[in-house]
Protein backbone atom coordinates (compact mmCIF):
# COMPACT_ATOMS: atom_id res chain seq x y z
CA UNK A 1 0.00 0.00 0.00
CA UNK A 2 2.82 2.38 0.85
CA UNK A 3 4.44 1.54 -2.47
CA UNK A 4 1.32 2.58 -4.43
CA UNK A 5 0.97 5.77 -2.42
CA UNK A 6 4.62 6.65 -3.02
CA UNK A 7 4.29 6.04 -6.79
CA UNK A 8 1.08 8.11 -6.96
CA UNK A 9 2.59 10.97 -4.93
CA UNK A 10 5.83 10.93 -6.96
CA UNK A 11 3.95 10.98 -10.29
CA UNK A 12 1.75 13.82 -9.04
CA UNK A 13 4.77 15.90 -8.03
CA UNK A 14 6.51 15.08 -11.33
CA UNK A 15 3.46 16.09 -13.38
CA UNK A 16 3.02 19.30 -11.39
CA UNK A 17 6.69 20.11 -11.92
CA UNK A 18 6.41 19.50 -15.65
CA UNK A 19 3.32 21.67 -15.91
CA UNK A 20 5.09 24.41 -14.00
CA UNK A 21 8.10 24.24 -16.30
CA UNK A 22 5.92 24.25 -19.41
CA UNK A 23 3.64 27.03 -18.19
CA UNK A 24 6.50 29.12 -16.80
CA UNK A 25 7.77 29.90 -20.31
CA UNK A 26 4.45 31.11 -21.63
CA UNK A 27 1.35 31.42 -19.44
CA UNK A 28 -0.88 31.39 -22.52
CA UNK A 29 0.54 28.12 -23.83
CA UNK A 30 -2.73 26.23 -23.31
CA UNK A 31 -4.65 28.85 -25.30
CA UNK A 32 -2.08 28.64 -28.10
CA UNK A 33 -2.23 24.84 -28.12
CA UNK A 34 -6.01 25.03 -28.38
CA UNK A 35 -5.87 27.55 -31.23
CA UNK A 36 -3.29 25.45 -33.07
CA UNK A 37 -5.62 22.47 -32.66
CA UNK A 38 -8.44 24.39 -34.31
CA UNK A 39 -10.42 25.46 -31.27
CA UNK A 40 -11.43 29.07 -30.75
CA UNK A 41 -11.00 30.66 -27.35
CA UNK A 42 -14.03 30.37 -25.11
CA UNK A 43 -14.43 34.10 -24.72
CA UNK A 44 -14.40 35.04 -28.40
CA UNK A 45 -17.81 36.74 -28.04
CA UNK A 46 -18.81 39.22 -25.39
CA UNK A 47 -21.57 38.52 -22.91
CA UNK A 48 -24.01 40.85 -24.65
CA UNK A 49 -23.42 39.11 -27.99
CA UNK A 50 -23.96 35.70 -26.41
CA UNK A 51 -27.18 36.81 -24.68
CA UNK A 52 -28.36 38.38 -27.94
CA UNK A 53 -27.80 35.11 -29.78
CA UNK A 54 -29.70 33.18 -27.10
CA UNK A 55 -32.60 35.64 -27.27
CA UNK A 56 -32.72 35.37 -31.08
CA UNK A 57 -32.80 31.58 -30.82
CA UNK A 58 -35.60 31.66 -28.24
CA UNK A 59 -37.63 34.15 -30.30
CA UNK A 60 -37.16 31.95 -33.36
CA UNK A 61 -38.40 28.91 -31.45
CA UNK A 62 -41.39 30.86 -30.16
CA UNK A 63 -42.19 31.92 -33.73
CA UNK A 64 -42.06 28.28 -34.82
CA UNK A 65 -44.37 27.32 -31.96
CA UNK A 66 -46.79 30.11 -32.99
CA UNK A 67 -46.74 28.91 -36.58
CA UNK A 68 -47.35 25.32 -35.47
CA UNK A 69 -50.29 26.33 -33.27
CA UNK A 70 -51.76 28.41 -36.08
CA UNK A 71 -51.49 25.56 -38.59
CA UNK A 72 -52.91 23.10 -36.04
CA UNK A 73 -55.86 25.39 -35.23
CA UNK A 74 -56.50 25.98 -38.93
CA UNK A 75 -56.42 22.26 -39.71
CA UNK A 76 -58.71 21.56 -36.75
CA UNK A 77 -61.12 24.24 -37.93
CA UNK A 78 -61.09 23.03 -41.52
CA UNK A 79 -61.72 19.40 -40.52
CA UNK A 80 -64.41 20.28 -38.00
CA UNK A 81 -67.13 19.54 -40.57
CA UNK A 82 -69.62 21.73 -38.76
CA UNK A 83 -69.01 20.39 -35.25
CA UNK A 84 -69.31 23.38 -32.94
CA UNK A 85 -67.02 21.89 -30.28
CA UNK A 86 -64.08 21.51 -32.69
CA UNK A 87 -64.61 25.01 -34.11
CA UNK A 88 -64.67 26.46 -30.57
CA UNK A 89 -61.49 24.58 -29.70
CA UNK A 90 -59.76 25.78 -32.88
CA UNK A 91 -60.75 29.42 -32.35
CA UNK A 92 -59.63 29.20 -28.71
CA UNK A 93 -56.22 27.83 -29.75
CA UNK A 94 -55.89 30.53 -32.41
CA UNK A 95 -56.86 33.31 -29.98
CA UNK A 96 -54.41 32.08 -27.34
CA UNK A 97 -51.62 31.80 -29.92
CA UNK A 98 -52.20 35.37 -31.11
CA UNK A 99 -52.38 36.69 -27.53
CA UNK A 100 -49.16 34.84 -26.69
CA UNK A 101 -47.42 36.30 -29.75
CA UNK A 102 -48.63 39.79 -28.82
CA UNK A 103 -47.29 39.39 -25.27
CA UNK A 104 -43.92 38.15 -26.56
CA UNK A 105 -43.59 41.01 -29.05
CA UNK A 106 -44.65 43.59 -26.45
CA UNK A 107 -42.15 42.24 -23.92
CA UNK A 108 -39.35 42.24 -26.49
CA UNK A 109 -40.18 45.76 -27.67
CA UNK A 110 -40.39 47.11 -24.12
CA UNK A 111 -37.15 45.51 -22.99
CA UNK A 112 -35.38 46.61 -26.19
CA UNK A 113 -36.59 50.20 -25.64
CA UNK A 114 -35.55 50.22 -21.97
CA UNK A 115 -32.10 48.74 -22.61
CA UNK A 116 -31.54 51.15 -25.50
CA UNK A 117 -32.38 54.12 -23.26
CA UNK A 118 -30.21 52.77 -20.43
CA UNK A 119 -27.30 52.21 -22.77
CA UNK A 120 -27.58 55.69 -24.22
CA UNK A 121 -27.85 57.34 -20.80
CA UNK A 122 -24.92 55.45 -19.27
CA UNK A 123 -22.57 55.86 -22.22
CA UNK A 124 -23.46 59.51 -22.78
CA UNK A 125 -24.44 58.86 -26.39
CA UNK A 126 -27.74 60.74 -26.69
CA UNK A 127 -27.74 60.82 -30.48
CA UNK A 128 -30.42 58.78 -32.18
CA UNK A 129 -28.72 55.94 -34.11
CA UNK A 130 -31.29 56.30 -36.89
CA UNK A 131 -30.63 60.00 -37.31
CA UNK A 132 -28.18 59.36 -40.13
CA UNK A 133 -30.95 57.70 -42.14
CA UNK A 134 -33.26 60.72 -41.66
CA UNK A 135 -30.63 63.38 -42.14
CA UNK A 136 -31.62 66.45 -44.13
CA UNK A 137 -28.47 67.86 -45.68
CA UNK A 138 -27.75 71.56 -45.47
CA UNK A 139 -26.98 72.62 -49.05
CA UNK A 140 -24.45 75.24 -47.93
CA UNK A 141 -22.01 73.16 -45.87
CA UNK A 142 -23.28 69.57 -46.28
CA UNK A 143 -24.12 69.06 -42.58
CA UNK A 144 -27.26 67.60 -41.10
CA UNK A 145 -30.09 69.93 -40.14
CA UNK A 146 -31.65 69.14 -36.75
CA UNK A 147 -35.36 68.62 -36.87
C-alpha atoms as a PDB file:
ATOM      1  CA  UNK A   1       0.000   0.000   0.000  1.00  0.00           C
ATOM      2  CA  UNK A   2       2.820   2.379   0.851  1.00  0.00           C
ATOM      3  CA  UNK A   3       4.437   1.545  -2.472  1.00  0.00           C
ATOM      4  CA  UNK A   4       1.316   2.578  -4.428  1.00  0.00           C
ATOM      5  CA  UNK A   5       0.966   5.768  -2.418  1.00  0.00           C
ATOM      6  CA  UNK A   6       4.624   6.645  -3.022  1.00  0.00           C
ATOM      7  CA  UNK A   7       4.286   6.044  -6.794  1.00  0.00           C
ATOM      8  CA  UNK A   8       1.079   8.112  -6.956  1.00  0.00           C
ATOM      9  CA  UNK A   9       2.594  10.967  -4.935  1.00  0.00           C
ATOM     10  CA  UNK A  10       5.827  10.927  -6.957  1.00  0.00           C
ATOM     11  CA  UNK A  11       3.954  10.984 -10.293  1.00  0.00           C
ATOM     12  CA  UNK A  12       1.752  13.823  -9.040  1.00  0.00           C
ATOM     13  CA  UNK A  13       4.772  15.895  -8.029  1.00  0.00           C
ATOM     14  CA  UNK A  14       6.514  15.078 -11.327  1.00  0.00           C
ATOM     15  CA  UNK A  15       3.460  16.094 -13.383  1.00  0.00           C
ATOM     16  CA  UNK A  16       3.018  19.300 -11.387  1.00  0.00           C
ATOM     17  CA  UNK A  17       6.690  20.109 -11.923  1.00  0.00           C
ATOM     18  CA  UNK A  18       6.412  19.497 -15.652  1.00  0.00           C
ATOM     19  CA  UNK A  19       3.316  21.672 -15.912  1.00  0.00           C
ATOM     20  CA  UNK A  20       5.086  24.408 -13.998  1.00  0.00           C
ATOM     21  CA  UNK A  21       8.103  24.240 -16.301  1.00  0.00           C
ATOM     22  CA  UNK A  22       5.919  24.251 -19.415  1.00  0.00           C
ATOM     23  CA  UNK A  23       3.637  27.031 -18.191  1.00  0.00           C
ATOM     24  CA  UNK A  24       6.503  29.120 -16.804  1.00  0.00           C
ATOM     25  CA  UNK A  25       7.767  29.904 -20.313  1.00  0.00           C
ATOM     26  CA  UNK A  26       4.446  31.107 -21.634  1.00  0.00           C
ATOM     27  CA  UNK A  27       1.355  31.417 -19.437  1.00  0.00           C
ATOM     28  CA  UNK A  28      -0.876  31.393 -22.525  1.00  0.00           C
ATOM     29  CA  UNK A  29       0.541  28.118 -23.826  1.00  0.00           C
ATOM     30  CA  UNK A  30      -2.725  26.232 -23.312  1.00  0.00           C
ATOM     31  CA  UNK A  31      -4.645  28.850 -25.303  1.00  0.00           C
ATOM     32  CA  UNK A  32      -2.075  28.644 -28.100  1.00  0.00           C
ATOM     33  CA  UNK A  33      -2.232  24.839 -28.117  1.00  0.00           C
ATOM     34  CA  UNK A  34      -6.013  25.032 -28.384  1.00  0.00           C
ATOM     35  CA  UNK A  35      -5.870  27.550 -31.228  1.00  0.00           C
ATOM     36  CA  UNK A  36      -3.292  25.446 -33.066  1.00  0.00           C
ATOM     37  CA  UNK A  37      -5.621  22.472 -32.664  1.00  0.00           C
ATOM     38  CA  UNK A  38      -8.442  24.391 -34.310  1.00  0.00           C
ATOM     39  CA  UNK A  39     -10.423  25.461 -31.268  1.00  0.00           C
ATOM     40  CA  UNK A  40     -11.434  29.065 -30.750  1.00  0.00           C
ATOM     41  CA  UNK A  41     -11.003  30.658 -27.348  1.00  0.00           C
ATOM     42  CA  UNK A  42     -14.035  30.366 -25.106  1.00  0.00           C
ATOM     43  CA  UNK A  43     -14.433  34.102 -24.715  1.00  0.00           C
ATOM     44  CA  UNK A  44     -14.403  35.036 -28.399  1.00  0.00           C
ATOM     45  CA  UNK A  45     -17.809  36.740 -28.036  1.00  0.00           C
ATOM     46  CA  UNK A  46     -18.810  39.223 -25.393  1.00  0.00           C
ATOM     47  CA  UNK A  47     -21.567  38.524 -22.906  1.00  0.00           C
ATOM     48  CA  UNK A  48     -24.008  40.847 -24.654  1.00  0.00           C
ATOM     49  CA  UNK A  49     -23.421  39.110 -27.994  1.00  0.00           C
ATOM     50  CA  UNK A  50     -23.962  35.703 -26.412  1.00  0.00           C
ATOM     51  CA  UNK A  51     -27.179  36.815 -24.675  1.00  0.00           C
ATOM     52  CA  UNK A  52     -28.357  38.378 -27.942  1.00  0.00           C
ATOM     53  CA  UNK A  53     -27.798  35.106 -29.783  1.00  0.00           C
ATOM     54  CA  UNK A  54     -29.697  33.182 -27.102  1.00  0.00           C
ATOM     55  CA  UNK A  55     -32.601  35.644 -27.267  1.00  0.00           C
ATOM     56  CA  UNK A  56     -32.718  35.373 -31.079  1.00  0.00           C
ATOM     57  CA  UNK A  57     -32.802  31.580 -30.824  1.00  0.00           C
ATOM     58  CA  UNK A  58     -35.597  31.661 -28.238  1.00  0.00           C
ATOM     59  CA  UNK A  59     -37.633  34.146 -30.303  1.00  0.00           C
ATOM     60  CA  UNK A  60     -37.162  31.947 -33.355  1.00  0.00           C
ATOM     61  CA  UNK A  61     -38.401  28.909 -31.454  1.00  0.00           C
ATOM     62  CA  UNK A  62     -41.388  30.862 -30.159  1.00  0.00           C
ATOM     63  CA  UNK A  63     -42.190  31.917 -33.733  1.00  0.00           C
ATOM     64  CA  UNK A  64     -42.063  28.282 -34.823  1.00  0.00           C
ATOM     65  CA  UNK A  65     -44.374  27.323 -31.958  1.00  0.00           C
ATOM     66  CA  UNK A  66     -46.790  30.108 -32.985  1.00  0.00           C
ATOM     67  CA  UNK A  67     -46.745  28.915 -36.578  1.00  0.00           C
ATOM     68  CA  UNK A  68     -47.349  25.323 -35.471  1.00  0.00           C
ATOM     69  CA  UNK A  69     -50.286  26.333 -33.269  1.00  0.00           C
ATOM     70  CA  UNK A  70     -51.762  28.411 -36.084  1.00  0.00           C
ATOM     71  CA  UNK A  71     -51.494  25.563 -38.585  1.00  0.00           C
ATOM     72  CA  UNK A  72     -52.908  23.101 -36.040  1.00  0.00           C
ATOM     73  CA  UNK A  73     -55.856  25.391 -35.233  1.00  0.00           C
ATOM     74  CA  UNK A  74     -56.497  25.981 -38.932  1.00  0.00           C
ATOM     75  CA  UNK A  75     -56.420  22.263 -39.705  1.00  0.00           C
ATOM     76  CA  UNK A  76     -58.706  21.560 -36.754  1.00  0.00           C
ATOM     77  CA  UNK A  77     -61.124  24.239 -37.928  1.00  0.00           C
ATOM     78  CA  UNK A  78     -61.093  23.026 -41.524  1.00  0.00           C
ATOM     79  CA  UNK A  79     -61.715  19.400 -40.516  1.00  0.00           C
ATOM     80  CA  UNK A  80     -64.412  20.280 -38.001  1.00  0.00           C
ATOM     81  CA  UNK A  81     -67.134  19.535 -40.572  1.00  0.00           C
ATOM     82  CA  UNK A  82     -69.620  21.730 -38.760  1.00  0.00           C
ATOM     83  CA  UNK A  83     -69.015  20.386 -35.250  1.00  0.00           C
ATOM     84  CA  UNK A  84     -69.314  23.381 -32.941  1.00  0.00           C
ATOM     85  CA  UNK A  85     -67.018  21.895 -30.282  1.00  0.00           C
ATOM     86  CA  UNK A  86     -64.077  21.512 -32.692  1.00  0.00           C
ATOM     87  CA  UNK A  87     -64.613  25.011 -34.108  1.00  0.00           C
ATOM     88  CA  UNK A  88     -64.666  26.460 -30.575  1.00  0.00           C
ATOM     89  CA  UNK A  89     -61.488  24.578 -29.703  1.00  0.00           C
ATOM     90  CA  UNK A  90     -59.762  25.779 -32.875  1.00  0.00           C
ATOM     91  CA  UNK A  91     -60.749  29.419 -32.345  1.00  0.00           C
ATOM     92  CA  UNK A  92     -59.628  29.197 -28.710  1.00  0.00           C
ATOM     93  CA  UNK A  93     -56.220  27.833 -29.750  1.00  0.00           C
ATOM     94  CA  UNK A  94     -55.892  30.531 -32.405  1.00  0.00           C
ATOM     95  CA  UNK A  95     -56.855  33.313 -29.975  1.00  0.00           C
ATOM     96  CA  UNK A  96     -54.406  32.084 -27.337  1.00  0.00           C
ATOM     97  CA  UNK A  97     -51.617  31.804 -29.919  1.00  0.00           C
ATOM     98  CA  UNK A  98     -52.200  35.374 -31.112  1.00  0.00           C
ATOM     99  CA  UNK A  99     -52.378  36.686 -27.528  1.00  0.00           C
ATOM    100  CA  UNK A 100     -49.156  34.839 -26.692  1.00  0.00           C
ATOM    101  CA  UNK A 101     -47.420  36.296 -29.751  1.00  0.00           C
ATOM    102  CA  UNK A 102     -48.633  39.792 -28.819  1.00  0.00           C
ATOM    103  CA  UNK A 103     -47.285  39.388 -25.273  1.00  0.00           C
ATOM    104  CA  UNK A 104     -43.924  38.145 -26.561  1.00  0.00           C
ATOM    105  CA  UNK A 105     -43.594  41.010 -29.053  1.00  0.00           C
ATOM    106  CA  UNK A 106     -44.645  43.587 -26.445  1.00  0.00           C
ATOM    107  CA  UNK A 107     -42.151  42.243 -23.916  1.00  0.00           C
ATOM    108  CA  UNK A 108     -39.351  42.238 -26.493  1.00  0.00           C
ATOM    109  CA  UNK A 109     -40.177  45.755 -27.668  1.00  0.00           C
ATOM    110  CA  UNK A 110     -40.391  47.110 -24.121  1.00  0.00           C
ATOM    111  CA  UNK A 111     -37.150  45.505 -22.991  1.00  0.00           C
ATOM    112  CA  UNK A 112     -35.380  46.607 -26.186  1.00  0.00           C
ATOM    113  CA  UNK A 113     -36.594  50.195 -25.639  1.00  0.00           C
ATOM    114  CA  UNK A 114     -35.547  50.220 -21.968  1.00  0.00           C
ATOM    115  CA  UNK A 115     -32.102  48.739 -22.605  1.00  0.00           C
ATOM    116  CA  UNK A 116     -31.541  51.147 -25.497  1.00  0.00           C
ATOM    117  CA  UNK A 117     -32.376  54.122 -23.264  1.00  0.00           C
ATOM    118  CA  UNK A 118     -30.214  52.773 -20.429  1.00  0.00           C
ATOM    119  CA  UNK A 119     -27.299  52.209 -22.769  1.00  0.00           C
ATOM    120  CA  UNK A 120     -27.584  55.690 -24.218  1.00  0.00           C
ATOM    121  CA  UNK A 121     -27.846  57.336 -20.802  1.00  0.00           C
ATOM    122  CA  UNK A 122     -24.924  55.446 -19.265  1.00  0.00           C
ATOM    123  CA  UNK A 123     -22.572  55.862 -22.224  1.00  0.00           C
ATOM    124  CA  UNK A 124     -23.458  59.509 -22.780  1.00  0.00           C
ATOM    125  CA  UNK A 125     -24.441  58.865 -26.394  1.00  0.00           C
ATOM    126  CA  UNK A 126     -27.738  60.736 -26.693  1.00  0.00           C
ATOM    127  CA  UNK A 127     -27.744  60.823 -30.484  1.00  0.00           C
ATOM    128  CA  UNK A 128     -30.415  58.776 -32.177  1.00  0.00           C
ATOM    129  CA  UNK A 129     -28.720  55.936 -34.110  1.00  0.00           C
ATOM    130  CA  UNK A 130     -31.293  56.300 -36.890  1.00  0.00           C
ATOM    131  CA  UNK A 131     -30.635  60.003 -37.311  1.00  0.00           C
ATOM    132  CA  UNK A 132     -28.179  59.361 -40.129  1.00  0.00           C
ATOM    133  CA  UNK A 133     -30.953  57.703 -42.137  1.00  0.00           C
ATOM    134  CA  UNK A 134     -33.257  60.715 -41.661  1.00  0.00           C
ATOM    135  CA  UNK A 135     -30.628  63.376 -42.145  1.00  0.00           C
ATOM    136  CA  UNK A 136     -31.622  66.446 -44.131  1.00  0.00           C
ATOM    137  CA  UNK A 137     -28.465  67.864 -45.679  1.00  0.00           C
ATOM    138  CA  UNK A 138     -27.749  71.555 -45.471  1.00  0.00           C
ATOM    139  CA  UNK A 139     -26.979  72.622 -49.051  1.00  0.00           C
ATOM    140  CA  UNK A 140     -24.447  75.236 -47.932  1.00  0.00           C
ATOM    141  CA  UNK A 141     -22.006  73.158 -45.872  1.00  0.00           C
ATOM    142  CA  UNK A 142     -23.280  69.572 -46.283  1.00  0.00           C
ATOM    143  CA  UNK A 143     -24.120  69.060 -42.578  1.00  0.00           C
ATOM    144  CA  UNK A 144     -27.262  67.598 -41.097  1.00  0.00           C
ATOM    145  CA  UNK A 145     -30.088  69.926 -40.143  1.00  0.00           C
ATOM    146  CA  UNK A 146     -31.648  69.136 -36.753  1.00  0.00           C
ATOM    147  CA  UNK A 147     -35.358  68.620 -36.869  1.00  0.00           C
END
